[in-house]
Amino acid sequence: MTDQHPSAQTEDELRKRKIRSFVRREGRLTKGQEKALAEQWPVMGIEYQARLLDLDASFGRSAPRVLEIGFGMGASLVEMAKAAPEQDFIGIEVHTPGVGACLMAAAEAGLGNLRVMCHDAVEVFEQMLPEQSLDRVQLFFPDPWHKKRHHKRRIVQPAFVEMVRSKLKIGGEFHMATDWENYAEHMLEVMKAAPGYANAAPTGDYMPRPDYRPLTKFEQRGHRLGHGVWDLIFSRTA
């Protein structure tokens, strides 16, 4: 049998390759992040498996569940989990140093209500999350793909928000935030057209930042420079 050269792959085969929501970025780990991954992953990490996850077994209890997609270095996620011990938090991030940093901060805070995953969020949603299992899904400052020709790469698209809806409980919320006005407008347009959602904003567009979402250093700097941030909250109605 001869090896097939990559260039011999058919267009059809390439087209069938799964489009991912993020590309895994390894990056360089600090000693602290490396240590946290080694020591805390067995406690707080959830490995990807193509089967439904038992969330009650993962946390050892039944509680309201909040899931964040793309938590960066995890500072605000840890802060939220610390402020709401009665809730369980799940974070998904593909950047390994970010996962290490989050685990390090969570261990320092002594958190028992946080679990993390290092995998593509779309596959986790498709394969691991039970229907109507989440009280809130958070997507804060996703990659805006600001060039017009890249807008199709934005994670907030009709198929994605329908997938999120299926995992939310009735009355559960999908909370998005962005500092790109054009992306905020795109999010609003997609969400208004999505079935089974209602905008929580009385004005029908954006919400003030809720108290539970920490103000990041990045945001504080942006505020000083006069940059805007847009929060959108839509609840599942059906």
Protein backbone atom coordinates (compact mmCIF):
# COMPACT_ATOMS: atom_id res chain seq x y z
CA MET A 1 0.00 0.00 0.00
CA THR A 2 1.44 3.36 -0.94
CA ASP A 3 1.15 6.47 1.25
CA GLN A 4 -1.13 9.07 -0.23
CA HIS A 5 0.51 12.45 -0.60
CA PRO A 6 -1.46 15.23 1.20
CA SER A 7 -2.01 17.01 -2.10
CA ALA A 8 -3.81 13.93 -3.42
CA GLN A 9 -6.64 14.35 -0.91
CA THR A 10 -9.92 15.03 -2.64
CA GLU A 11 -11.79 18.28 -2.08
CA ASP A 12 -14.64 16.21 -0.70
CA GLU A 13 -12.41 14.72 2.01
CA LEU A 14 -11.18 18.16 2.99
CA ARG A 15 -14.75 19.49 3.06
CA LYS A 16 -15.78 16.71 5.43
CA ARG A 17 -13.21 17.77 8.00
CA LYS A 18 -15.01 19.14 11.04
CA ILE A 19 -14.94 22.90 11.42
CA ARG A 20 -13.92 23.67 14.99
CA SER A 21 -14.94 26.62 17.11
CA PHE A 22 -11.34 27.19 18.17
CA VAL A 23 -7.86 26.01 17.24
CA ARG A 24 -5.98 24.46 20.17
CA ARG A 25 -3.05 26.69 21.11
CA GLU A 26 -0.46 25.06 23.33
CA GLY A 27 1.84 27.95 24.25
CA ARG A 28 4.58 27.91 26.88
CA LEU A 29 3.66 26.89 30.41
CA THR A 30 5.09 28.58 33.47
CA LYS A 31 6.36 26.35 36.29
CA GLY A 32 3.27 27.26 38.34
CA GLN A 33 0.88 26.39 35.50
CA GLU A 34 2.70 23.11 34.87
CA LYS A 35 2.50 22.20 38.57
CA ALA A 36 -1.21 23.13 38.72
CA LEU A 37 -1.99 20.99 35.66
CA ALA A 38 -0.16 18.02 37.19
CA GLU A 39 -1.72 18.37 40.65
CA GLN A 40 -5.16 19.88 40.00
CA TRP A 41 -6.23 18.36 36.68
CA PRO A 42 -7.01 14.99 38.35
CA VAL A 43 -9.25 16.93 40.81
CA MET A 44 -10.87 19.60 38.63
CA GLY A 45 -10.20 18.49 35.05
CA ILE A 46 -12.76 16.70 32.89
CA GLU A 47 -11.35 14.70 29.98
CA TYR A 48 -13.17 14.84 26.66
CA GLN A 49 -15.11 11.67 25.86
CA ALA A 50 -17.68 11.17 23.11
CA ARG A 51 -20.41 10.28 25.59
CA LEU A 52 -22.79 12.13 27.89
CA LEU A 53 -21.31 13.57 31.06
CA ASP A 54 -22.96 12.96 34.44
CA LEU A 55 -22.70 16.46 35.90
CA ASP A 56 -24.02 15.47 39.33
CA ALA A 57 -21.30 12.81 39.56
CA SER A 58 -18.63 15.30 38.37
CA PHE A 59 -19.48 17.76 41.16
CA GLY A 60 -20.75 15.30 43.75
CA ARG A 61 -24.02 17.21 44.09
CA SER A 62 -26.97 18.70 42.23
CA ALA A 63 -26.82 22.51 41.86
CA PRO A 64 -27.44 25.31 39.33
CA ARG A 65 -24.83 25.01 36.57
CA VAL A 66 -22.99 27.76 34.70
CA LEU A 67 -20.74 26.98 31.72
CA GLU A 68 -18.24 29.42 30.23
CA ILE A 69 -16.81 28.99 26.73
CA GLY A 70 -13.26 30.32 26.31
CA PHE A 71 -12.32 31.52 29.80
CA GLY A 72 -8.85 32.82 28.84
CA MET A 73 -6.61 32.75 31.92
CA GLY A 74 -9.62 32.03 34.13
CA ALA A 75 -9.38 35.01 36.51
CA SER A 76 -13.02 36.10 36.18
CA LEU A 77 -14.32 32.51 36.11
CA VAL A 78 -12.54 31.77 39.40
CA GLU A 79 -13.89 35.02 40.86
CA MET A 80 -17.45 34.07 39.85
CA ALA A 81 -17.13 30.57 41.31
CA LYS A 82 -15.73 32.00 44.54
CA ALA A 83 -18.61 34.51 44.80
CA ALA A 84 -21.33 31.88 44.20
CA PRO A 85 -20.46 28.68 46.13
CA GLU A 86 -24.07 27.52 45.76
CA GLN A 87 -23.58 27.21 41.97
CA ASP A 88 -21.37 24.86 39.94
CA PHE A 89 -19.11 26.28 37.20
CA ILE A 90 -17.67 24.54 34.14
CA GLY A 91 -15.04 26.26 32.00
CA ILE A 92 -13.94 25.24 28.51
CA GLU A 93 -10.66 26.62 27.12
CA VAL A 94 -8.27 25.33 24.43
CA HIS A 95 -5.24 27.37 25.53
CA THR A 96 -3.26 25.07 27.84
CA PRO A 97 -1.47 27.87 29.78
CA GLY A 98 -4.92 29.41 30.42
CA VAL A 99 -6.17 26.11 31.82
CA GLY A 100 -3.05 25.88 34.01
CA ALA A 101 -3.51 29.45 35.25
CA CYS A 102 -7.18 28.82 36.02
CA LEU A 103 -6.39 25.62 37.96
CA MET A 104 -3.66 27.43 39.90
CA ALA A 105 -6.02 30.27 40.91
CA ALA A 106 -8.86 27.84 41.72
CA ALA A 107 -6.57 25.78 43.99
CA GLU A 108 -5.35 28.92 45.77
CA ALA A 109 -8.99 29.92 46.34
CA GLY A 110 -9.83 26.42 47.60
CA LEU A 111 -12.72 26.03 45.14
CA GLY A 112 -14.76 22.86 45.04
CA ASN A 113 -17.41 24.11 42.60
CA LEU A 114 -15.30 24.50 39.46
CA ARG A 115 -14.44 21.97 36.72
CA VAL A 116 -12.44 22.69 33.57
CA MET A 117 -12.07 21.15 30.13
CA CYS A 118 -9.37 21.63 27.50
CA HIS A 119 -11.16 20.79 24.26
CA ASP A 120 -13.17 22.24 21.39
CA ALA A 121 -16.40 23.67 22.83
CA VAL A 122 -18.60 22.61 19.91
CA GLU A 123 -17.60 18.94 20.32
CA VAL A 124 -18.17 19.13 24.08
CA PHE A 125 -21.67 20.54 23.48
CA GLU A 126 -22.46 17.99 20.79
CA GLN A 127 -21.16 14.91 22.59
CA MET A 128 -20.99 15.47 26.34
CA LEU A 129 -23.64 17.87 27.60
CA PRO A 130 -27.12 16.52 28.39
CA GLU A 131 -30.15 18.39 27.07
CA GLN A 132 -31.50 21.09 29.42
CA SER A 133 -28.62 20.66 31.88
CA LEU A 134 -27.35 24.25 32.16
CA ASP A 135 -28.73 27.35 33.89
CA ARG A 136 -26.42 29.78 32.11
CA VAL A 137 -23.94 29.68 29.23
CA GLN A 138 -21.35 32.47 29.10
CA LEU A 139 -19.36 33.65 26.09
CA PHE A 140 -17.24 36.65 27.06
CA PHE A 141 -15.02 38.49 24.56
CA PRO A 142 -14.78 35.78 21.88
CA ASP A 143 -12.47 36.33 18.90
CA PRO A 144 -14.25 39.07 16.90
CA TRP A 145 -12.72 38.10 13.54
CA HIS A 146 -13.00 41.78 12.72
CA LYS A 147 -12.17 41.57 8.99
CA LYS A 148 -15.37 41.27 7.01
CA ARG A 149 -14.16 38.28 5.03
CA HIS A 150 -13.61 36.43 8.34
CA HIS A 151 -17.05 37.15 9.86
CA LYS A 152 -18.19 33.63 8.96
CA ARG A 153 -15.63 32.31 11.47
CA ARG A 154 -17.37 34.01 14.40
CA ILE A 155 -18.69 31.45 16.85
CA VAL A 156 -22.08 33.15 17.26
CA GLN A 157 -23.98 31.77 14.27
CA PRO A 158 -27.51 30.31 13.96
CA ALA A 159 -26.45 26.64 14.28
CA PHE A 160 -24.29 27.39 17.33
CA VAL A 161 -26.94 29.34 19.24
CA GLU A 162 -29.48 26.58 18.53
CA MET A 163 -27.03 24.07 19.99
CA VAL A 164 -26.59 26.27 23.09
CA ARG A 165 -30.39 26.56 23.46
CA SER A 166 -30.80 22.78 23.52
CA LYS A 167 -28.46 22.52 26.53
CA LEU A 168 -30.10 25.33 28.51
CA LYS A 169 -32.98 24.67 30.88
CA ILE A 170 -36.21 26.50 30.05
CA GLY A 171 -35.59 29.96 31.52
CA GLY A 172 -31.81 29.44 31.36
CA GLU A 173 -29.70 32.27 29.95
CA PHE A 174 -27.13 32.71 27.20
CA HIS A 175 -24.93 35.67 28.20
CA MET A 176 -22.53 37.16 25.65
CA ALA A 177 -20.19 40.14 25.95
CA THR A 178 -17.94 41.82 23.40
CA ASP A 179 -15.95 45.02 23.05
CA TRP A 180 -16.46 45.10 19.26
CA GLU A 181 -19.60 47.03 18.37
CA ASN A 182 -19.87 45.33 14.98
CA TYR A 183 -19.77 41.90 16.65
CA ALA A 184 -22.37 43.04 19.21
CA GLU A 185 -24.65 44.01 16.31
CA HIS A 186 -23.99 40.63 14.67
CA MET A 187 -24.79 38.79 17.93
CA LEU A 188 -28.02 40.76 18.35
CA GLU A 189 -29.09 40.04 14.78
CA VAL A 190 -28.42 36.28 15.13
CA MET A 191 -30.14 36.05 18.52
CA LYS A 192 -33.23 38.01 17.46
CA ALA A 193 -33.73 35.58 14.57
CA ALA A 194 -33.10 32.47 16.71
CA PRO A 195 -36.23 30.53 17.71
CA GLY A 196 -36.92 29.77 21.37
CA TYR A 197 -35.08 32.77 22.83
CA ALA A 198 -36.25 36.04 24.39
CA ASN A 199 -34.08 39.10 24.93
CA ALA A 200 -33.79 39.86 28.66
CA ALA A 201 -33.07 43.53 27.91
CA PRO A 202 -36.18 45.73 28.40
CA THR A 203 -34.87 47.94 25.59
CA GLY A 204 -34.69 44.97 23.21
CA ASP A 205 -30.95 45.27 22.62
CA TYR A 206 -28.14 45.35 25.22
CA MET A 207 -27.96 44.92 29.00
CA PRO A 208 -25.86 46.72 31.62
CA ARG A 209 -23.08 44.44 32.89
CA PRO A 210 -24.64 42.20 35.57
CA ASP A 211 -22.97 42.21 38.99
CA TYR A 212 -21.98 38.56 38.63
CA ARG A 213 -19.72 39.30 35.63
CA PRO A 214 -16.45 40.71 37.01
CA LEU A 215 -15.01 43.81 35.40
CA THR A 216 -11.74 42.70 33.81
CA LYS A 217 -8.50 44.74 33.84
CA PHE A 218 -8.82 44.83 30.05
CA GLU A 219 -12.30 46.39 30.39
CA GLN A 220 -11.17 48.91 33.01
CA ARG A 221 -8.42 50.05 30.65
CA GLY A 222 -10.95 50.20 27.80
CA HIS A 223 -13.34 52.33 29.87
CA ARG A 224 -10.55 54.82 30.56
CA LEU A 225 -9.90 55.03 26.81
CA GLY A 226 -13.61 55.47 26.10
CA HIS A 227 -14.12 52.01 24.57
CA GLY A 228 -17.54 50.38 24.84
CA VAL A 229 -18.53 46.89 25.99
CA TRP A 230 -21.83 45.30 25.01
CA ASP A 231 -23.57 42.60 27.10
CA LEU A 232 -26.40 40.54 25.58
CA ILE A 233 -28.55 38.16 27.64
CA PHE A 234 -31.16 35.93 26.02
CA SER A 235 -33.24 33.41 27.95
CA ARG A 236 -34.57 30.12 26.63
CA THR A 237 -38.36 30.22 26.26
CA ALA A 238 -39.00 26.94 24.45
